[in-house]
C-alpha cells in the first residue's frame, strides 16, 4: 500500500514539475518576443529626444505637502478677509443709519445709573 501511494505521489510531483517547466518556457518565449518588439521600436526612435516629464520640469526637489487653500493666493486672501470681518464684528458695533428725528432711547433708560 505504502509503496503504491509513494509512487503515485512522486508521479504527481513529476507531472507538476513538467507542467511548470512548460509554462515557464512559454512565458519566456512571449517575453523574448515582446523584448524584440521593444528593441525594434527603440532603434527607430533612437535619434529622437525623450520629452521631460512634469517632475523634471518643476524641479522642486523635496517639498512639504501644502494645504489646498494655500495653493490659490486669491482664495486664501478672500478667506483671510472673511475671518477678519468676523473678528471685527466682535470688537465694533455696526453703525445704524438714522431713520428720522430723535425718537428717544430704543432700549429704554437705565434708572440705576
PDB file of N, CA and C in Angstrom:
ATOM      1  N   UNK A   1       0.814  -1.206   0.000  1.00  0.00           N
ATOM      2  CA  UNK A   1       0.000   0.000   0.000  1.00  0.00           C
ATOM      3  C   UNK A   1       0.856   1.268   0.000  1.00  0.00           C
ATOM      4  N   UNK A   2       1.815   1.270   0.919  1.00  0.00           N
ATOM      5  CA  UNK A   2       2.655   2.456   1.043  1.00  0.00           C
ATOM      6  C   UNK A   2       3.473   2.682  -0.225  1.00  0.00           C
ATOM      7  N   UNK A   3       3.948   1.642  -0.804  1.00  0.00           N
ATOM      8  CA  UNK A   3       4.791   1.746  -1.996  1.00  0.00           C
ATOM      9  C   UNK A   3       3.986   2.342  -3.149  1.00  0.00           C
ATOM     10  N   UNK A   4       2.721   1.874  -3.300  1.00  0.00           N
ATOM     11  CA  UNK A   4       1.872   2.411  -4.371  1.00  0.00           C
ATOM     12  C   UNK A   4       1.563   3.900  -4.148  1.00  0.00           C
ATOM     13  N   UNK A   5       1.268   4.275  -2.889  1.00  0.00           N
ATOM     14  CA  UNK A   5       0.947   5.675  -2.572  1.00  0.00           C
ATOM     15  C   UNK A   5       2.165   6.563  -2.816  1.00  0.00           C
ATOM     16  N   UNK A   6       3.345   6.080  -2.415  1.00  0.00           N
ATOM     17  CA  UNK A   6       4.562   6.863  -2.622  1.00  0.00           C
ATOM     18  C   UNK A   6       4.841   7.035  -4.114  1.00  0.00           C
ATOM     19  N   UNK A   7       4.629   5.969  -4.889  1.00  0.00           N
ATOM     20  CA  UNK A   7       4.862   6.033  -6.328  1.00  0.00           C
ATOM     21  C   UNK A   7       3.885   7.017  -6.983  1.00  0.00           C
ATOM     22  N   UNK A   8       2.621   6.995  -6.542  1.00  0.00           N
ATOM     23  CA  UNK A   8       1.616   7.906  -7.092  1.00  0.00           C
ATOM     24  C   UNK A   8       1.982   9.358  -6.760  1.00  0.00           C
ATOM     25  N   UNK A   9       2.441   9.587  -5.529  1.00  0.00           N
ATOM     26  CA  UNK A   9       2.834  10.947  -5.114  1.00  0.00           C
ATOM     27  C   UNK A   9       4.002  11.455  -5.925  1.00  0.00           C
ATOM     28  N   UNK A  10       5.006  10.599  -6.133  1.00  0.00           N
ATOM     29  CA  UNK A  10       6.180  11.062  -6.887  1.00  0.00           C
ATOM     30  C   UNK A  10       5.799  11.303  -8.351  1.00  0.00           C
ATOM     31  N   UNK A  11       4.906  10.472  -8.899  1.00  0.00           N
ATOM     32  CA  UNK A  11       4.467  10.675 -10.280  1.00  0.00           C
ATOM     33  C   UNK A  11       3.725  12.008 -10.413  1.00  0.00           C
ATOM     34  N   UNK A  12       2.909  12.320  -9.413  1.00  0.00           N
ATOM     35  CA  UNK A  12       2.158  13.575  -9.425  1.00  0.00           C
ATOM     36  C   UNK A  12       3.117  14.766  -9.356  1.00  0.00           C
ATOM     37  N   UNK A  13       4.136  14.666  -8.492  1.00  0.00           N
ATOM     38  CA  UNK A  13       5.122  15.739  -8.379  1.00  0.00           C
ATOM     39  C   UNK A  13       5.873  15.943  -9.692  1.00  0.00           C
ATOM     40  N   UNK A  14       6.213  14.832 -10.334  1.00  0.00           N
ATOM     41  CA  UNK A  14       6.941  14.922 -11.608  1.00  0.00           C
ATOM     42  C   UNK A  14       6.081  15.575 -12.689  1.00  0.00           C
ATOM     43  N   UNK A  15       4.776  15.237 -12.708  1.00  0.00           N
ATOM     44  CA  UNK A  15       3.853  15.858 -13.676  1.00  0.00           C
ATOM     45  C   UNK A  15       3.764  17.364 -13.430  1.00  0.00           C
ATOM     46  N   UNK A  16       3.645  17.746 -12.140  1.00  0.00           N
ATOM     47  CA  UNK A  16       3.548  19.168 -11.797  1.00  0.00           C
ATOM     48  C   UNK A  16       4.802  19.921 -12.218  1.00  0.00           C
ATOM     49  N   UNK A  17       5.967  19.321 -11.965  1.00  0.00           N
ATOM     50  CA  UNK A  17       7.233  19.960 -12.331  1.00  0.00           C
ATOM     51  C   UNK A  17       7.331  20.130 -13.846  1.00  0.00           C
ATOM     52  N   UNK A  18       6.900  19.114 -14.606  1.00  0.00           N
ATOM     53  CA  UNK A  18       6.951  19.204 -16.069  1.00  0.00           C
ATOM     54  C   UNK A  18       6.012  20.291 -16.577  1.00  0.00           C
ATOM     55  N   UNK A  19       4.811  20.378 -15.981  1.00  0.00           N
ATOM     56  CA  UNK A  19       3.865  21.430 -16.372  1.00  0.00           C
ATOM     57  C   UNK A  19       4.437  22.819 -16.078  1.00  0.00           C
ATOM     58  N   UNK A  20       5.057  22.969 -14.911  1.00  0.00           N
ATOM     59  CA  UNK A  20       5.631  24.259 -14.533  1.00  0.00           C
ATOM     60  C   UNK A  20       6.739  24.654 -15.499  1.00  0.00           C
ATOM     61  N   UNK A  21       7.563  23.682 -15.895  1.00  0.00           N
ATOM     62  CA  UNK A  21       8.635  23.966 -16.858  1.00  0.00           C
ATOM     63  C   UNK A  21       8.066  24.403 -18.200  1.00  0.00           C
ATOM     64  N   UNK A  22       7.015  23.727 -18.635  1.00  0.00           N
ATOM     65  CA  UNK A  22       6.393  24.066 -19.918  1.00  0.00           C
ATOM     66  C   UNK A  22       5.814  25.484 -19.869  1.00  0.00           C
ATOM     67  N   UNK A  23       5.142  25.813 -18.744  1.00  0.00           N
ATOM     68  CA  UNK A  23       4.577  27.159 -18.590  1.00  0.00           C
ATOM     69  C   UNK A  23       5.672  28.222 -18.580  1.00  0.00           C
ATOM     70  N   UNK A  24       6.773  27.945 -17.880  1.00  0.00           N
ATOM     71  CA  UNK A  24       7.880  28.901 -17.805  1.00  0.00           C
ATOM     72  C   UNK A  24       8.504  29.107 -19.182  1.00  0.00           C
ATOM     73  N   UNK A  25       8.643  28.022 -19.947  1.00  0.00           N
ATOM     74  CA  UNK A  25       9.215  28.135 -21.292  1.00  0.00           C
ATOM     75  C   UNK A  25       8.315  28.978 -22.193  1.00  0.00           C
ATOM     76  N   UNK A  26       6.995  28.783 -22.075  1.00  0.00           N
ATOM     77  CA  UNK A  26       6.054  29.549 -22.892  1.00  0.00           C
ATOM     78  C   UNK A  26       6.106  31.031 -22.515  1.00  0.00           C
ATOM     79  N   UNK A  27       6.166  31.308 -21.213  1.00  0.00           N
ATOM     80  CA  UNK A  27       6.226  32.698 -20.753  1.00  0.00           C
ATOM     81  C   UNK A  27       7.528  33.343 -21.203  1.00  0.00           C
ATOM     82  N   UNK A  28       8.623  32.572 -21.165  1.00  0.00           N
ATOM     83  CA  UNK A  28       9.915  33.096 -21.612  1.00  0.00           C
ATOM     84  C   UNK A  28       9.904  33.434 -23.084  1.00  0.00           C
ATOM     85  N   UNK A  29       9.237  32.594 -23.880  1.00  0.00           N
ATOM     86  CA  UNK A  29       9.153  32.849 -25.320  1.00  0.00           C
ATOM     87  C   UNK A  29       8.359  34.131 -25.590  1.00  0.00           C
ATOM     88  N   UNK A  30       7.266  34.320 -24.856  1.00  0.00           N
ATOM     89  CA  UNK A  30       6.471  35.537 -25.015  1.00  0.00           C
ATOM     90  C   UNK A  30       7.278  36.764 -24.632  1.00  0.00           C
ATOM     91  N   UNK A  31       8.022  36.645 -23.531  1.00  0.00           N
ATOM     92  CA  UNK A  31       8.839  37.762 -23.049  1.00  0.00           C
ATOM     93  C   UNK A  31       9.905  38.117 -24.073  1.00  0.00           C
ATOM     94  N   UNK A  32      10.539  37.111 -24.657  1.00  0.00           N
ATOM     95  CA  UNK A  32      11.557  37.361 -25.677  1.00  0.00           C
ATOM     96  C   UNK A  32      10.955  38.080 -26.882  1.00  0.00           C
ATOM     97  N   UNK A  33       9.752  37.659 -27.271  1.00  0.00           N
ATOM     98  CA  UNK A  33       9.094  38.283 -28.420  1.00  0.00           C
ATOM     99  C   UNK A  33       8.806  39.760 -28.134  1.00  0.00           C
ATOM    100  N   UNK A  34       8.296  40.053 -26.949  1.00  0.00           N
ATOM    101  CA  UNK A  34       7.985  41.455 -26.617  1.00  0.00           C
ATOM    102  C   UNK A  34       9.260  42.273 -26.504  1.00  0.00           C
ATOM    103  N   UNK A  35      10.334  41.674 -25.975  1.00  0.00           N
ATOM    104  CA  UNK A  35      11.612  42.397 -25.890  1.00  0.00           C
ATOM    105  C   UNK A  35      12.119  42.750 -27.285  1.00  0.00           C
ATOM    106  N   UNK A  36      11.989  41.811 -28.213  1.00  0.00           N
ATOM    107  CA  UNK A  36      12.442  42.076 -29.576  1.00  0.00           C
ATOM    108  C   UNK A  36      11.642  43.232 -30.180  1.00  0.00           C
ATOM    109  N   UNK A  37      10.338  43.254 -29.931  1.00  0.00           N
ATOM    110  CA  UNK A  37       9.498  44.340 -30.452  1.00  0.00           C
ATOM    111  C   UNK A  37       9.906  45.679 -29.856  1.00  0.00           C
ATOM    112  N   UNK A  38      10.164  45.680 -28.557  1.00  0.00           N
ATOM    113  CA  UNK A  38      10.552  46.925 -27.891  1.00  0.00           C
ATOM    114  C   UNK A  38      11.892  47.407 -28.421  1.00  0.00           C
ATOM    115  N   UNK A  39      12.835  46.500 -28.617  1.00  0.00           N
ATOM    116  CA  UNK A  39      14.139  46.878 -29.156  1.00  0.00           C
ATOM    117  C   UNK A  39      13.992  47.471 -30.549  1.00  0.00           C
ATOM    118  N   UNK A  40      13.099  46.898 -31.341  1.00  0.00           N
ATOM    119  CA  UNK A  40      12.862  47.390 -32.692  1.00  0.00           C
ATOM    120  C   UNK A  40      12.351  48.831 -32.628  1.00  0.00           C
ATOM    121  N   UNK A  41      11.419  49.098 -31.694  1.00  0.00           N
ATOM    122  CA  UNK A  41      10.869  50.443 -31.542  1.00  0.00           C
ATOM    123  C   UNK A  41      11.935  51.415 -31.043  1.00  0.00           C
ATOM    124  N   UNK A  42      12.797  50.962 -30.129  1.00  0.00           N
ATOM    125  CA  UNK A  42      13.835  51.830 -29.569  1.00  0.00           C
ATOM    126  C   UNK A  42      14.846  52.237 -30.627  1.00  0.00           C
ATOM    127  N   UNK A  43      15.215  51.321 -31.494  1.00  0.00           N
ATOM    128  CA  UNK A  43      16.204  51.656 -32.517  1.00  0.00           C
ATOM    129  C   UNK A  43      15.619  52.648 -33.521  1.00  0.00           C
ATOM    130  N   UNK A  44      14.335  52.595 -33.756  1.00  0.00           N
ATOM    131  CA  UNK A  44      13.703  53.520 -34.696  1.00  0.00           C
ATOM    132  C   UNK A  44      13.690  54.933 -34.113  1.00  0.00           C
ATOM    133  N   UNK A  45      13.453  55.044 -32.809  1.00  0.00           N
ATOM    134  CA  UNK A  45      13.336  56.358 -32.170  1.00  0.00           C
ATOM    135  C   UNK A  45      14.605  56.722 -31.406  1.00  0.00           C
ATOM    136  N   UNK A  46      15.742  56.195 -31.807  1.00  0.00           N
ATOM    137  CA  UNK A  46      16.980  56.443 -31.072  1.00  0.00           C
ATOM    138  C   UNK A  46      17.437  57.881 -31.210  1.00  0.00           C
ATOM    139  N   UNK A  47      17.242  58.494 -32.386  1.00  0.00           N
ATOM    140  CA  UNK A  47      17.721  59.853 -32.592  1.00  0.00           C
ATOM    141  C   UNK A  47      16.766  60.895 -32.002  1.00  0.00           C
ATOM    142  N   UNK A  48      15.532  60.511 -31.717  1.00  0.00           N
ATOM    143  CA  UNK A  48      14.587  61.432 -31.093  1.00  0.00           C
ATOM    144  C   UNK A  48      14.898  61.577 -29.613  1.00  0.00           C
ATOM    145  N   UNK A  49      14.740  62.806 -29.087  1.00  0.00           N
ATOM    146  CA  UNK A  49      14.960  63.016 -27.653  1.00  0.00           C
ATOM    147  C   UNK A  49      13.672  62.741 -26.908  1.00  0.00           C
ATOM    148  N   UNK A  50      13.822  62.167 -25.726  1.00  0.00           N
ATOM    149  CA  UNK A  50      12.654  61.877 -24.905  1.00  0.00           C
ATOM    150  C   UNK A  50      12.188  63.164 -24.238  1.00  0.00           C
ATOM    151  N   UNK A  51      10.882  63.378 -24.190  1.00  0.00           N
ATOM    152  CA  UNK A  51      10.339  64.585 -23.571  1.00  0.00           C
ATOM    153  C   UNK A  51      10.517  64.521 -22.057  1.00  0.00           C
ATOM    154  N   UNK A  52      10.804  65.672 -21.446  1.00  0.00           N
ATOM    155  CA  UNK A  52      10.961  65.729 -19.993  1.00  0.00           C
ATOM    156  C   UNK A  52       9.594  65.610 -19.344  1.00  0.00           C
ATOM    157  N   UNK A  53       9.525  64.874 -18.247  1.00  0.00           N
ATOM    158  CA  UNK A  53       8.242  64.729 -17.565  1.00  0.00           C
ATOM    159  C   UNK A  53       8.018  65.902 -16.614  1.00  0.00           C
ATOM    160  N   UNK A  54       6.849  65.925 -15.998  1.00  0.00           N
ATOM    161  CA  UNK A  54       6.437  67.040 -15.147  1.00  0.00           C
ATOM    162  C   UNK A  54       7.375  67.225 -13.964  1.00  0.00           C
ATOM    163  N   UNK A  55       7.813  66.115 -13.371  1.00  0.00           N
ATOM    164  CA  UNK A  55       8.682  66.201 -12.196  1.00  0.00           C
ATOM    165  C   UNK A  55      10.014  66.876 -12.534  1.00  0.00           C
ATOM    166  N   UNK A  56      10.545  66.572 -13.692  1.00  0.00           N
ATOM    167  CA  UNK A  56      11.810  67.187 -14.108  1.00  0.00           C
ATOM    168  C   UNK A  56      11.593  68.667 -14.421  1.00  0.00           C
ATOM    169  N   UNK A  57      10.490  68.983 -15.081  1.00  0.00           N
ATOM    170  CA  UNK A  57      10.227  70.378 -15.435  1.00  0.00           C
ATOM    171  C   UNK A  57      10.008  71.252 -14.197  1.00  0.00           C
ATOM    172  N   UNK A  58       9.323  70.738 -13.205  1.00  0.00           N
ATOM    173  CA  UNK A  58       9.050  71.514 -11.998  1.00  0.00           C
ATOM    174  C   UNK A  58      10.317  71.711 -11.172  1.00  0.00           C
ATOM    175  N   UNK A  59      11.153  70.661 -11.065  1.00  0.00           N
ATOM    176  CA  UNK A  59      12.428  70.712 -10.346  1.00  0.00           C
ATOM    177  C   UNK A  59      12.261  71.265  -8.930  1.00  0.00           C
ATOM    178  N   UNK A  60      11.340  70.697  -8.184  1.00  0.00           N
ATOM    179  CA  UNK A  60      11.042  71.203  -6.848  1.00  0.00           C
ATOM    180  C   UNK A  60      11.777  70.457  -5.746  1.00  0.00           C
ATOM    181  N   UNK A  61      12.322  69.301  -6.055  1.00  0.00           N
ATOM    182  CA  UNK A  61      13.033  68.545  -5.028  1.00  0.00           C
ATOM    183  C   UNK A  61      12.077  68.027  -3.973  1.00  0.00           C
ATOM    184  N   UNK A  62      12.515  68.037  -2.724  1.00  0.00           N
ATOM    185  CA  UNK A  62      11.675  67.586  -1.613  1.00  0.00           C
ATOM    186  C   UNK A  62      10.986  68.790  -1.004  1.00  0.00           C
ATOM    187  N   UNK A  63       9.685  68.900  -1.241  1.00  0.00           N
ATOM    188  CA  UNK A  63       8.919  69.997  -0.657  1.00  0.00           C
ATOM    189  C   UNK A  63       7.790  69.424   0.162  1.00  0.00           C
ATOM    190  N   UNK A  64       7.407  70.148   1.197  1.00  0.00           N
ATOM    191  CA  UNK A  64       6.339  69.659   2.066  1.00  0.00           C
ATOM    192  C   UNK A  64       4.989  69.762   1.369  1.00  0.00           C
ATOM    193  N   UNK A  65       4.056  68.959   1.820  1.00  0.00           N
ATOM    194  CA  UNK A  65       2.696  68.965   1.273  1.00  0.00           C
ATOM    195  C   UNK A  65       1.974  70.179   1.837  1.00  0.00           C
ATOM    196  N   UNK A  66       1.334  70.965   0.984  1.00  0.00           N
ATOM    197  CA  UNK A  66       0.656  72.180   1.430  1.00  0.00           C
ATOM    198  C   UNK A  66      -0.856  71.990   1.428  1.00  0.00           C
ATOM    199  N   UNK A  67      -1.544  72.829   2.232  1.00  0.00           N
ATOM    200  CA  UNK A  67      -2.998  72.777   2.276  1.00  0.00           C
ATOM    201  C   UNK A  67      -3.570  73.235   0.943  1.00  0.00           C
ATOM    202  N   UNK A  68      -4.792  72.828   0.665  1.00  0.00           N
ATOM    203  CA  UNK A  68      -5.416  73.163  -0.614  1.00  0.00           C
ATOM    204  C   UNK A  68      -5.606  74.668  -0.743  1.00  0.00           C
ATOM    205  N   UNK A  69      -5.940  75.346   0.358  1.00  0.00           N
ATOM    206  CA  UNK A  69      -6.211  76.789   0.294  1.00  0.00           C
ATOM    207  C   UNK A  69      -4.934  77.572   0.021  1.00  0.00           C
ATOM    208  N   UNK A  70      -3.779  77.026   0.411  1.00  0.00           N
ATOM    209  CA  UNK A  70      -2.512  77.728   0.194  1.00  0.00           C
ATOM    210  C   UNK A  70      -2.094  77.720  -1.261  1.00  0.00           C
ATOM    211  N   UNK A  71      -2.689  76.873  -2.066  1.00  0.00           N
ATOM    212  CA  UNK A  71      -2.296  76.770  -3.469  1.00  0.00           C
ATOM    213  C   UNK A  71      -2.831  77.930  -4.300  1.00  0.00           C
ATOM    214  N   UNK A  72      -3.895  78.597  -3.843  1.00  0.00           N
ATOM    215  CA  UNK A  72      -4.511  79.669  -4.621  1.00  0.00           C
ATOM    216  C   UNK A  72      -4.512  80.955  -3.782  1.00  0.00           C
ATOM    217  N   UNK A  73      -3.600  81.898  -4.053  1.00  0.00           N
ATOM    218  CA  UNK A  73      -3.480  83.093  -3.220  1.00  0.00           C
ATOM    219  C   UNK A  73      -4.742  83.953  -3.179  1.00  0.00           C
ATOM    220  N   UNK A  74      -5.467  84.025  -4.293  1.00  0.00           N
ATOM    221  CA  UNK A  74      -6.677  84.853  -4.309  1.00  0.00           C
ATOM    222  C   UNK A  74      -7.712  84.308  -3.327  1.00  0.00           C
ATOM    223  N   UNK A  75      -7.895  82.994  -3.349  1.00  0.00           N
ATOM    224  CA  UNK A  75      -8.868  82.364  -2.451  1.00  0.00           C
ATOM    225  C   UNK A  75      -8.409  82.481  -1.004  1.00  0.00           C
ATOM    226  N   UNK A  76      -7.107  82.348  -0.777  1.00  0.00           N
ATOM    227  CA  UNK A  76      -6.569  82.443   0.588  1.00  0.00           C
ATOM    228  C   UNK A  76      -6.824  83.832   1.153  1.00  0.00           C
ATOM    229  N   UNK A  77      -6.577  84.878   0.354  1.00  0.00           N
ATOM    230  CA  UNK A  77      -6.781  86.244   0.845  1.00  0.00           C
ATOM    231  C   UNK A  77      -8.256  86.541   1.048  1.00  0.00           C
ATOM    232  N   UNK A  78      -9.109  85.971   0.214  1.00  0.00           N
ATOM    233  CA  UNK A  78     -10.548  86.163   0.394  1.00  0.00           C
ATOM    234  C   UNK A  78     -11.007  85.547   1.707  1.00  0.00           C
ATOM    235  N   UNK A  79     -10.497  84.353   2.016  1.00  0.00           N
ATOM    236  CA  UNK A  79     -10.824  83.687   3.281  1.00  0.00           C
ATOM    237  C   UNK A  79     -10.274  84.472   4.474  1.00  0.00           C
ATOM    238  N   UNK A  80      -9.064  85.027   4.314  1.00  0.00           N
ATOM    239  CA  UNK A  80      -8.443  85.833   5.366  1.00  0.00           C
ATOM    240  C   UNK A  80      -9.317  87.054   5.676  1.00  0.00           C
ATOM    241  N   UNK A  81      -9.814  87.696   4.616  1.00  0.00           N
ATOM    242  CA  UNK A  81     -10.665  88.870   4.785  1.00  0.00           C
ATOM    243  C   UNK A  81     -11.968  88.496   5.480  1.00  0.00           C
ATOM    244  N   UNK A  82     -12.546  87.360   5.074  1.00  0.00           N
ATOM    245  CA  UNK A  82     -13.796  86.906   5.703  1.00  0.00           C
ATOM    246  C   UNK A  82     -13.612  86.695   7.196  1.00  0.00           C
ATOM    247  N   UNK A  83     -12.498  86.080   7.586  1.00  0.00           N
ATOM    248  CA  UNK A  83     -12.204  85.855   9.004  1.00  0.00           C
ATOM    249  C   UNK A  83     -11.985  87.177   9.736  1.00  0.00           C
ATOM    250  N   UNK A  84     -11.291  88.143   9.083  1.00  0.00           N
ATOM    251  CA  UNK A  84     -11.018  89.437   9.706  1.00  0.00           C
ATOM    252  C   UNK A  84     -12.322  90.197   9.964  1.00  0.00           C
ATOM    253  N   UNK A  85     -13.271  90.096   9.027  1.00  0.00           N
ATOM    254  CA  UNK A  85     -14.569  90.765   9.196  1.00  0.00           C
ATOM    255  C   UNK A  85     -15.305  90.168  10.386  1.00  0.00           C
ATOM    256  N   UNK A  86     -15.248  88.850  10.533  1.00  0.00           N
ATOM    257  CA  UNK A  86     -15.918  88.184  11.656  1.00  0.00           C
ATOM    258  C   UNK A  86     -15.305  88.643  12.977  1.00  0.00           C
ATOM    259  N   UNK A  87     -13.967  88.748  13.032  1.00  0.00           N
ATOM    260  CA  UNK A  87     -13.290  89.209  14.257  1.00  0.00           C
ATOM    261  C   UNK A  87     -13.680  90.650  14.580  1.00  0.00           C
ATOM    262  N   UNK A  88     -13.754  91.486  13.556  1.00  0.00           N
ATOM    263  CA  UNK A  88     -14.067  92.905  13.780  1.00  0.00           C
ATOM    264  C   UNK A  88     -15.493  93.084  14.289  1.00  0.00           C
ATOM    265  N   UNK A  89     -16.396  92.236  13.837  1.00  0.00           N
ATOM    266  CA  UNK A  89     -17.779  92.329  14.311  1.00  0.00           C
ATOM    267  C   UNK A  89     -17.864  92.129  15.812  1.00  0.00           C
ATOM    268  N   UNK A  90     -16.928  91.339  16.370  1.00  0.00           N
ATOM    269  CA  UNK A  90     -16.917  91.145  17.815  1.00  0.00           C
ATOM    270  C   UNK A  90     -16.373  92.333  18.570  1.00  0.00           C
ATOM    271  N   UNK A  91     -15.589  93.195  17.918  1.00  0.00           N
ATOM    272  CA  UNK A  91     -14.962  94.328  18.585  1.00  0.00           C
ATOM    273  C   UNK A  91     -15.776  95.615  18.442  1.00  0.00           C
ATOM    274  N   UNK A  92     -16.406  95.800  17.285  1.00  0.00           N
ATOM    275  CA  UNK A  92     -17.062  97.076  16.971  1.00  0.00           C
ATOM    276  C   UNK A  92     -18.531  96.827  16.635  1.00  0.00           C
ATOM    277  N   UNK A  93     -19.383  97.682  17.187  1.00  0.00           N
ATOM    278  CA  UNK A  93     -20.801  97.571  16.845  1.00  0.00           C
ATOM    279  C   UNK A  93     -21.056  98.131  15.467  1.00  0.00           C
ATOM    280  N   UNK A  94     -22.029  97.564  14.793  1.00  0.00           N
ATOM    281  CA  UNK A  94     -22.377  98.019  13.460  1.00  0.00           C
ATOM    282  C   UNK A  94     -23.140  99.336  13.553  1.00  0.00           C
ATOM    283  N   UNK A  95     -22.775 100.324  12.748  1.00  0.00           N
ATOM    284  CA  UNK A  95     -23.441 101.632  12.765  1.00  0.00           C
ATOM    285  C   UNK A  95     -24.815 101.507  12.110  1.00  0.00           C
ATOM    286  N   UNK A  96     -25.800 102.126  12.759  1.00  0.00           N
ATOM    287  CA  UNK A  96     -27.151 102.115  12.195  1.00  0.00           C
ATOM    288  C   UNK A  96     -27.472 103.488  11.616  1.00  0.00           C
ATOM    289  N   UNK A  97     -28.109 103.507  10.469  1.00  0.00           N
ATOM    290  CA  UNK A  97     -28.479 104.780   9.835  1.00  0.00           C
ATOM    291  C   UNK A  97     -29.663 105.395  10.582  1.00  0.00           C
ATOM    292  N   UNK A  98     -29.638 106.734  10.708  1.00  0.00           N
ATOM    293  CA  UNK A  98     -30.732 107.443  11.391  1.00  0.00           C
ATOM    294  C   UNK A  98     -31.938 107.498  10.458  1.00  0.00           C
ATOM    295  N   UNK A  99     -33.078 106.980  10.930  1.00  0.00           N
ATOM    296  CA  UNK A  99     -34.273 106.948  10.091  1.00  0.00           C
ATOM    297  C   UNK A  99     -34.973 108.307  10.058  1.00  0.00           C
ATOM    298  N   UNK A 100     -35.193 108.849  11.216  1.00  0.00           N
ATOM    299  CA  UNK A 100     -35.912 110.126  11.289  1.00  0.00           C
ATOM    300  C   UNK A 100     -35.293 110.937  12.425  1.00  0.00           C
ATOM    301  N   UNK A 101     -36.037 111.902  12.914  1.00  0.00           N
ATOM    302  CA  UNK A 101     -35.518 112.699  14.022  1.00  0.00           C
ATOM    303  C   UNK A 101     -35.478 111.832  15.280  1.00  0.00           C
ATOM    304  N   UNK A 102     -34.886 112.354  16.338  1.00  0.00           N
ATOM    305  CA  UNK A 102     -34.669 111.593  17.567  1.00  0.00           C
ATOM    306  C   UNK A 102     -35.992 111.122  18.147  1.00  0.00           C
ATOM    307  N   UNK A 103     -36.045 109.786  18.425  1.00  0.00           N
ATOM    308  CA  UNK A 103     -37.286 109.228  18.947  1.00  0.00           C
ATOM    309  C   UNK A 103     -37.125 108.633  20.318  1.00  0.00           C
ATOM    310  N   UNK A 104     -36.107 109.054  21.056  1.00  0.00           N
ATOM    311  CA  UNK A 104     -35.894 108.526  22.399  1.00  0.00           C
ATOM    312  C   UNK A 104     -34.999 107.285  22.361  1.00  0.00           C
ATOM    313  N   UNK A 105     -34.692 106.799  23.540  1.00  0.00           N
ATOM    314  CA  UNK A 105     -33.842 105.600  23.633  1.00  0.00           C
ATOM    315  C   UNK A 105     -34.662 104.387  23.263  1.00  0.00           C
ATOM    316  N   UNK A 106     -34.144 103.590  22.312  1.00  0.00           N
ATOM    317  CA  UNK A 106     -34.893 102.426  21.879  1.00  0.00           C
ATOM    318  C   UNK A 106     -34.860 101.336  22.910  1.00  0.00           C
ATOM    319  N   UNK A 107     -33.767 101.242  23.667  1.00  0.00           N
ATOM    320  CA  UNK A 107     -33.661 100.156  24.649  1.00  0.00           C
ATOM    321  C   UNK A 107     -34.119 100.601  26.028  1.00  0.00           C
ATOM    322  N   UNK A 108     -34.557 101.821  26.143  1.00  0.00           N
ATOM    323  CA  UNK A 108     -35.026 102.317  27.420  1.00  0.00           C
ATOM    324  C   UNK A 108     -33.908 103.005  28.177  1.00  0.00           C
ATOM    325  N   UNK A 109     -34.263 103.671  29.271  1.00  0.00           N
ATOM    326  CA  UNK A 109     -33.282 104.400  30.078  1.00  0.00           C
ATOM    327  C   UNK A 109     -33.064 103.630  31.363  1.00  0.00           C
ATOM    328  N   UNK A 110     -31.804 103.408  31.702  1.00  0.00           N
ATOM    329  CA  UNK A 110     -31.477 102.692  32.928  1.00  0.00           C
ATOM    330  C   UNK A 110     -31.552 103.662  34.099  1.00  0.00           C
ATOM    331  N   UNK A 111     -32.426 103.428  35.050  1.00  0.00           N
ATOM    332  CA  UNK A 111     -32.636 104.333  36.170  1.00  0.00           C
ATOM    333  C   UNK A 111     -31.585 104.146  37.262  1.00  0.00           C
ATOM    334  N   UNK A 112     -30.861 103.025  37.228  1.00  0.00           N
ATOM    335  CA  UNK A 112     -29.923 102.726  38.296  1.00  0.00           C
ATOM    336  C   UNK A 112     -28.499 103.231  38.035  1.00  0.00           C
ATOM    337  N   UNK A 113     -28.350 104.160  37.138  1.00  0.00           N
ATOM    338  CA  UNK A 113     -27.005 104.659  36.842  1.00  0.00           C
ATOM    339  C   UNK A 113     -26.739 105.915  37.639  1.00  0.00           C
TER     340      UNK A 113
END
